[in-house]
Amino acid sequence: MSDKGRHAADDAIGKGKEAAGKLTDDEKLENEGKADQVGAKVKKAGDSIKDAFDKATDRD
């Protein structure tokens, strides 16, 4: 799986944890899910920067 795919999966897992935490009234699980989502978003931003750099330098 590519990095982008892994980061999307991390985001989805985080959303699932957050939802499960809300349903079960488990604040720790909910917060863990939110943290996973933030981590995935940071990684996605890194991917975007890398893609922009590659495009600007004609790398593939």
PDB file of N, CA and C in Angstrom:
ATOM      1  N   MET A   1       0.847  -1.176   0.000  1.00  0.00           N
ATOM      2  CA  MET A   1       0.000   0.000   0.000  1.00  0.00           C
ATOM      3  C   MET A   1       0.890   1.236   0.000  1.00  0.00           C
ATOM      4  N   SER A   2       0.486   2.216  -0.775  1.00  0.00           N
ATOM      5  CA  SER A   2       1.258   3.456  -0.860  1.00  0.00           C
ATOM      6  C   SER A   2       1.085   4.280   0.412  1.00  0.00           C
ATOM      7  N   ASP A   3       1.967   5.257   0.569  1.00  0.00           N
ATOM      8  CA  ASP A   3       1.865   6.142   1.731  1.00  0.00           C
ATOM      9  C   ASP A   3       0.521   6.858   1.750  1.00  0.00           C
ATOM     10  N   LYS A   4       0.079   7.317   0.580  1.00  0.00           N
ATOM     11  CA  LYS A   4      -1.196   8.036   0.515  1.00  0.00           C
ATOM     12  C   LYS A   4      -2.344   7.125   0.933  1.00  0.00           C
ATOM     13  N   GLY A   5      -2.297   5.877   0.524  1.00  0.00           N
ATOM     14  CA  GLY A   5      -3.329   4.919   0.908  1.00  0.00           C
ATOM     15  C   GLY A   5      -3.305   4.643   2.401  1.00  0.00           C
ATOM     16  N   ARG A   6      -2.102   4.521   2.946  1.00  0.00           N
ATOM     17  CA  ARG A   6      -1.958   4.292   4.387  1.00  0.00           C
ATOM     18  C   ARG A   6      -2.492   5.477   5.190  1.00  0.00           C
ATOM     19  N   HIS A   7      -2.218   6.683   4.695  1.00  0.00           N
ATOM     20  CA  HIS A   7      -2.675   7.881   5.403  1.00  0.00           C
ATOM     21  C   HIS A   7      -4.202   8.000   5.346  1.00  0.00           C
ATOM     22  N   ALA A   8      -4.786   7.635   4.225  1.00  0.00           N
ATOM     23  CA  ALA A   8      -6.245   7.639   4.115  1.00  0.00           C
ATOM     24  C   ALA A   8      -6.841   6.588   5.049  1.00  0.00           C
ATOM     25  N   ALA A   9      -6.189   5.442   5.143  1.00  0.00           N
ATOM     26  CA  ALA A   9      -6.659   4.390   6.045  1.00  0.00           C
ATOM     27  C   ALA A   9      -6.554   4.843   7.497  1.00  0.00           C
ATOM     28  N   ASP A  10      -5.459   5.515   7.844  1.00  0.00           N
ATOM     29  CA  ASP A  10      -5.295   6.038   9.208  1.00  0.00           C
ATOM     30  C   ASP A  10      -6.412   7.012   9.551  1.00  0.00           C
ATOM     31  N   ASP A  11      -6.779   7.847   8.587  1.00  0.00           N
ATOM     32  CA  ASP A  11      -7.857   8.812   8.789  1.00  0.00           C
ATOM     33  C   ASP A  11      -9.183   8.086   9.015  1.00  0.00           C
ATOM     34  N   ALA A  12      -9.444   7.079   8.199  1.00  0.00           N
ATOM     35  CA  ALA A  12     -10.693   6.318   8.335  1.00  0.00           C
ATOM     36  C   ALA A  12     -10.746   5.579   9.666  1.00  0.00           C
ATOM     37  N   ILE A  13      -9.631   5.013  10.079  1.00  0.00           N
ATOM     38  CA  ILE A  13      -9.578   4.321  11.367  1.00  0.00           C
ATOM     39  C   ILE A  13      -9.837   5.312  12.498  1.00  0.00           C
ATOM     40  N   GLY A  14      -9.244   6.496  12.391  1.00  0.00           N
ATOM     41  CA  GLY A  14      -9.469   7.531  13.397  1.00  0.00           C
ATOM     42  C   GLY A  14     -10.930   7.932  13.493  1.00  0.00           C
ATOM     43  N   LYS A  15     -11.583   8.064  12.338  1.00  0.00           N
ATOM     44  CA  LYS A  15     -13.005   8.416  12.331  1.00  0.00           C
ATOM     45  C   LYS A  15     -13.831   7.309  12.982  1.00  0.00           C
ATOM     46  N   GLY A  16     -13.450   6.066  12.712  1.00  0.00           N
ATOM     47  CA  GLY A  16     -14.150   4.943  13.322  1.00  0.00           C
ATOM     48  C   GLY A  16     -13.984   4.917  14.832  1.00  0.00           C
ATOM     49  N   LYS A  17     -12.768   5.172  15.286  1.00  0.00           N
ATOM     50  CA  LYS A  17     -12.509   5.209  16.733  1.00  0.00           C
ATOM     51  C   LYS A  17     -13.301   6.338  17.390  1.00  0.00           C
ATOM     52  N   GLU A  18     -13.307   7.491  16.730  1.00  0.00           N
ATOM     53  CA  GLU A  18     -14.044   8.627  17.284  1.00  0.00           C
ATOM     54  C   GLU A  18     -15.532   8.295  17.391  1.00  0.00           C
ATOM     55  N   ALA A  19     -16.086   7.710  16.341  1.00  0.00           N
ATOM     56  CA  ALA A  19     -17.506   7.352  16.344  1.00  0.00           C
ATOM     57  C   ALA A  19     -17.804   6.303  17.410  1.00  0.00           C
ATOM     58  N   ALA A  20     -16.940   5.304  17.513  1.00  0.00           N
ATOM     59  CA  ALA A  20     -17.135   4.262  18.524  1.00  0.00           C
ATOM     60  C   ALA A  20     -17.052   4.854  19.930  1.00  0.00           C
ATOM     61  N   GLY A  21     -16.143   5.776  20.122  1.00  0.00           N
ATOM     62  CA  GLY A  21     -16.015   6.437  21.420  1.00  0.00           C
ATOM     63  C   GLY A  21     -17.255   7.225  21.782  1.00  0.00           C
ATOM     64  N   LYS A  22     -17.831   7.907  20.789  1.00  0.00           N
ATOM     65  CA  LYS A  22     -19.059   8.661  21.034  1.00  0.00           C
ATOM     66  C   LYS A  22     -20.214   7.729  21.375  1.00  0.00           C
ATOM     67  N   LEU A  23     -20.315   6.618  20.628  1.00  0.00           N
ATOM     68  CA  LEU A  23     -21.418   5.676  20.858  1.00  0.00           C
ATOM     69  C   LEU A  23     -21.334   5.010  22.221  1.00  0.00           C
ATOM     70  N   THR A  24     -20.125   4.703  22.651  1.00  0.00           N
ATOM     71  CA  THR A  24     -19.946   3.995  23.916  1.00  0.00           C
ATOM     72  C   THR A  24     -19.652   4.932  25.080  1.00  0.00           C
ATOM     73  N   ASP A  25     -19.661   6.226  24.800  1.00  0.00           N
ATOM     74  CA  ASP A  25     -19.355   7.241  25.811  1.00  0.00           C
ATOM     75  C   ASP A  25     -17.956   7.032  26.406  1.00  0.00           C
ATOM     76  N   ASP A  26     -17.025   6.626  25.530  1.00  0.00           N
ATOM     77  CA  ASP A  26     -15.631   6.402  25.924  1.00  0.00           C
ATOM     78  C   ASP A  26     -14.804   7.583  25.420  1.00  0.00           C
ATOM     79  N   GLU A  27     -14.589   8.533  26.301  1.00  0.00           N
ATOM     80  CA  GLU A  27     -13.899   9.770  25.925  1.00  0.00           C
ATOM     81  C   GLU A  27     -12.469   9.504  25.465  1.00  0.00           C
ATOM     82  N   LYS A  28     -11.794   8.544  26.099  1.00  0.00           N
ATOM     83  CA  LYS A  28     -10.415   8.218  25.729  1.00  0.00           C
ATOM     84  C   LYS A  28     -10.347   7.712  24.276  1.00  0.00           C
ATOM     85  N   LEU A  29     -11.253   6.815  23.908  1.00  0.00           N
ATOM     86  CA  LEU A  29     -11.279   6.276  22.551  1.00  0.00           C
ATOM     87  C   LEU A  29     -11.633   7.371  21.543  1.00  0.00           C
ATOM     88  N   GLU A  30     -12.567   8.211  21.913  1.00  0.00           N
ATOM     89  CA  GLU A  30     -12.958   9.325  21.042  1.00  0.00           C
ATOM     90  C   GLU A  30     -11.767  10.249  20.777  1.00  0.00           C
ATOM     91  N   ASN A  31     -11.044  10.579  21.830  1.00  0.00           N
ATOM     92  CA  ASN A  31      -9.874  11.462  21.686  1.00  0.00           C
ATOM     93  C   ASN A  31      -8.752  10.787  20.907  1.00  0.00           C
ATOM     94  N   GLU A  32      -8.596   9.484  21.101  1.00  0.00           N
ATOM     95  CA  GLU A  32      -7.593   8.738  20.346  1.00  0.00           C
ATOM     96  C   GLU A  32      -7.920   8.791  18.853  1.00  0.00           C
ATOM     97  N   GLY A  33      -9.193   8.655  18.531  1.00  0.00           N
ATOM     98  CA  GLY A  33      -9.622   8.755  17.141  1.00  0.00           C
ATOM     99  C   GLY A  33      -9.346  10.121  16.546  1.00  0.00           C
ATOM    100  N   LYS A  34      -9.616  11.151  17.323  1.00  0.00           N
ATOM    101  CA  LYS A  34      -9.342  12.518  16.853  1.00  0.00           C
ATOM    102  C   LYS A  34      -7.847  12.710  16.623  1.00  0.00           C
ATOM    103  N   ALA A  35      -7.031  12.179  17.520  1.00  0.00           N
ATOM    104  CA  ALA A  35      -5.577  12.287  17.379  1.00  0.00           C
ATOM    105  C   ALA A  35      -5.097  11.545  16.135  1.00  0.00           C
ATOM    106  N   ASP A  36      -5.664  10.369  15.880  1.00  0.00           N
ATOM    107  CA  ASP A  36      -5.308   9.623  14.673  1.00  0.00           C
ATOM    108  C   ASP A  36      -5.624  10.427  13.418  1.00  0.00           C
ATOM    109  N   GLN A  37      -6.757  11.104  13.427  1.00  0.00           N
ATOM    110  CA  GLN A  37      -7.156  11.913  12.271  1.00  0.00           C
ATOM    111  C   GLN A  37      -6.202  13.083  12.058  1.00  0.00           C
ATOM    112  N   VAL A  38      -5.808  13.724  13.141  1.00  0.00           N
ATOM    113  CA  VAL A  38      -4.866  14.847  13.031  1.00  0.00           C
ATOM    114  C   VAL A  38      -3.533  14.354  12.472  1.00  0.00           C
ATOM    115  N   GLY A  39      -3.072  13.216  12.975  1.00  0.00           N
ATOM    116  CA  GLY A  39      -1.827  12.643  12.471  1.00  0.00           C
ATOM    117  C   GLY A  39      -1.908  12.337  10.982  1.00  0.00           C
ATOM    118  N   ALA A  40      -3.033  11.787  10.561  1.00  0.00           N
ATOM    119  CA  ALA A  40      -3.221  11.467   9.145  1.00  0.00           C
ATOM    120  C   ALA A  40      -3.241  12.738   8.299  1.00  0.00           C
ATOM    121  N   LYS A  41      -3.867  13.790   8.811  1.00  0.00           N
ATOM    122  CA  LYS A  41      -3.921  15.045   8.064  1.00  0.00           C
ATOM    123  C   LYS A  41      -2.535  15.665   7.917  1.00  0.00           C
ATOM    124  N   VAL A  42      -1.718  15.559   8.950  1.00  0.00           N
ATOM    125  CA  VAL A  42      -0.351  16.076   8.878  1.00  0.00           C
ATOM    126  C   VAL A  42       0.442  15.301   7.822  1.00  0.00           C
ATOM    127  N   LYS A  43       0.272  13.979   7.827  1.00  0.00           N
ATOM    128  CA  LYS A  43       0.968  13.156   6.837  1.00  0.00           C
ATOM    129  C   LYS A  43       0.485  13.463   5.420  1.00  0.00           C
ATOM    130  N   LYS A  44      -0.827  13.696   5.275  1.00  0.00           N
ATOM    131  CA  LYS A  44      -1.369  14.051   3.959  1.00  0.00           C
ATOM    132  C   LYS A  44      -0.791  15.391   3.487  1.00  0.00           C
ATOM    133  N   ALA A  45      -0.618  16.327   4.408  1.00  0.00           N
ATOM    134  CA  ALA A  45      -0.025  17.625   4.058  1.00  0.00           C
ATOM    135  C   ALA A  45       1.409  17.427   3.585  1.00  0.00           C
ATOM    136  N   GLY A  46       2.131  16.539   4.250  1.00  0.00           N
ATOM    137  CA  GLY A  46       3.493  16.221   3.821  1.00  0.00           C
ATOM    138  C   GLY A  46       3.508  15.627   2.423  1.00  0.00           C
ATOM    139  N   ASP A  47       2.533  14.768   2.138  1.00  0.00           N
ATOM    140  CA  ASP A  47       2.411  14.195   0.792  1.00  0.00           C
ATOM    141  C   ASP A  47       2.190  15.296  -0.242  1.00  0.00           C
ATOM    142  N   SER A  48       1.335  16.245   0.101  1.00  0.00           N
ATOM    143  CA  SER A  48       1.035  17.338  -0.831  1.00  0.00           C
ATOM    144  C   SER A  48       2.273  18.189  -1.106  1.00  0.00           C
ATOM    145  N   ILE A  49       3.048  18.451  -0.075  1.00  0.00           N
ATOM    146  CA  ILE A  49       4.281  19.227  -0.237  1.00  0.00           C
ATOM    147  C   ILE A  49       5.257  18.456  -1.119  1.00  0.00           C
ATOM    148  N   LYS A  50       5.387  17.165  -0.864  1.00  0.00           N
ATOM    149  CA  LYS A  50       6.277  16.327  -1.667  1.00  0.00           C
ATOM    150  C   LYS A  50       5.825  16.318  -3.127  1.00  0.00           C
ATOM    151  N   ASP A  51       4.519  16.175  -3.352  1.00  0.00           N
ATOM    152  CA  ASP A  51       3.986  16.176  -4.718  1.00  0.00           C
ATOM    153  C   ASP A  51       4.267  17.506  -5.423  1.00  0.00           C
ATOM    154  N   ALA A  52       4.087  18.614  -4.696  1.00  0.00           N
ATOM    155  CA  ALA A  52       4.334  19.930  -5.279  1.00  0.00           C
ATOM    156  C   ALA A  52       5.811  20.088  -5.626  1.00  0.00           C
ATOM    157  N   PHE A  53       6.679  19.616  -4.752  1.00  0.00           N
ATOM    158  CA  PHE A  53       8.116  19.687  -5.018  1.00  0.00           C
ATOM    159  C   PHE A  53       8.470  18.848  -6.236  1.00  0.00           C
ATOM    160  N   ASP A  54       7.938  17.631  -6.279  1.00  0.00           N
ATOM    161  CA  ASP A  54       8.212  16.758  -7.420  1.00  0.00           C
ATOM    162  C   ASP A  54       7.719  17.378  -8.733  1.00  0.00           C
ATOM    163  N   LYS A  55       6.544  17.982  -8.684  1.00  0.00           N
ATOM    164  CA  LYS A  55       5.995  18.620  -9.886  1.00  0.00           C
ATOM    165  C   LYS A  55       6.861  19.814 -10.307  1.00  0.00           C
ATOM    166  N   ALA A  56       7.297  20.593  -9.320  1.00  0.00           N
ATOM    167  CA  ALA A  56       8.094  21.781  -9.619  1.00  0.00           C
ATOM    168  C   ALA A  56       9.469  21.408 -10.172  1.00  0.00           C
ATOM    169  N   THR A  57       9.963  20.243  -9.810  1.00  0.00           N
ATOM    170  CA  THR A  57      11.284  19.829 -10.281  1.00  0.00           C
ATOM    171  C   THR A  57      11.187  18.753 -11.352  1.00  0.00           C
ATOM    172  N   ASP A  58       9.985  18.537 -11.870  1.00  0.00           N
ATOM    173  CA  ASP A  58       9.718  17.543 -12.917  1.00  0.00           C
ATOM    174  C   ASP A  58      10.151  16.138 -12.525  1.00  0.00           C
ATOM    175  N   ARG A  59       9.876  15.762 -11.303  1.00  0.00           N
ATOM    176  CA  ARG A  59      10.167  14.399 -10.840  1.00  0.00           C
ATOM    177  C   ARG A  59       8.874  13.606 -10.814  1.00  0.00           C
ATOM    178  N   ASP A  60       8.977  12.312 -11.061  1.00  0.00           N
ATOM    179  CA  ASP A  60       7.814  11.424 -10.964  1.00  0.00           C
ATOM    180  C   ASP A  60       8.135  10.238 -10.130  1.00  0.00           C
TER     181      ASP A  60
END
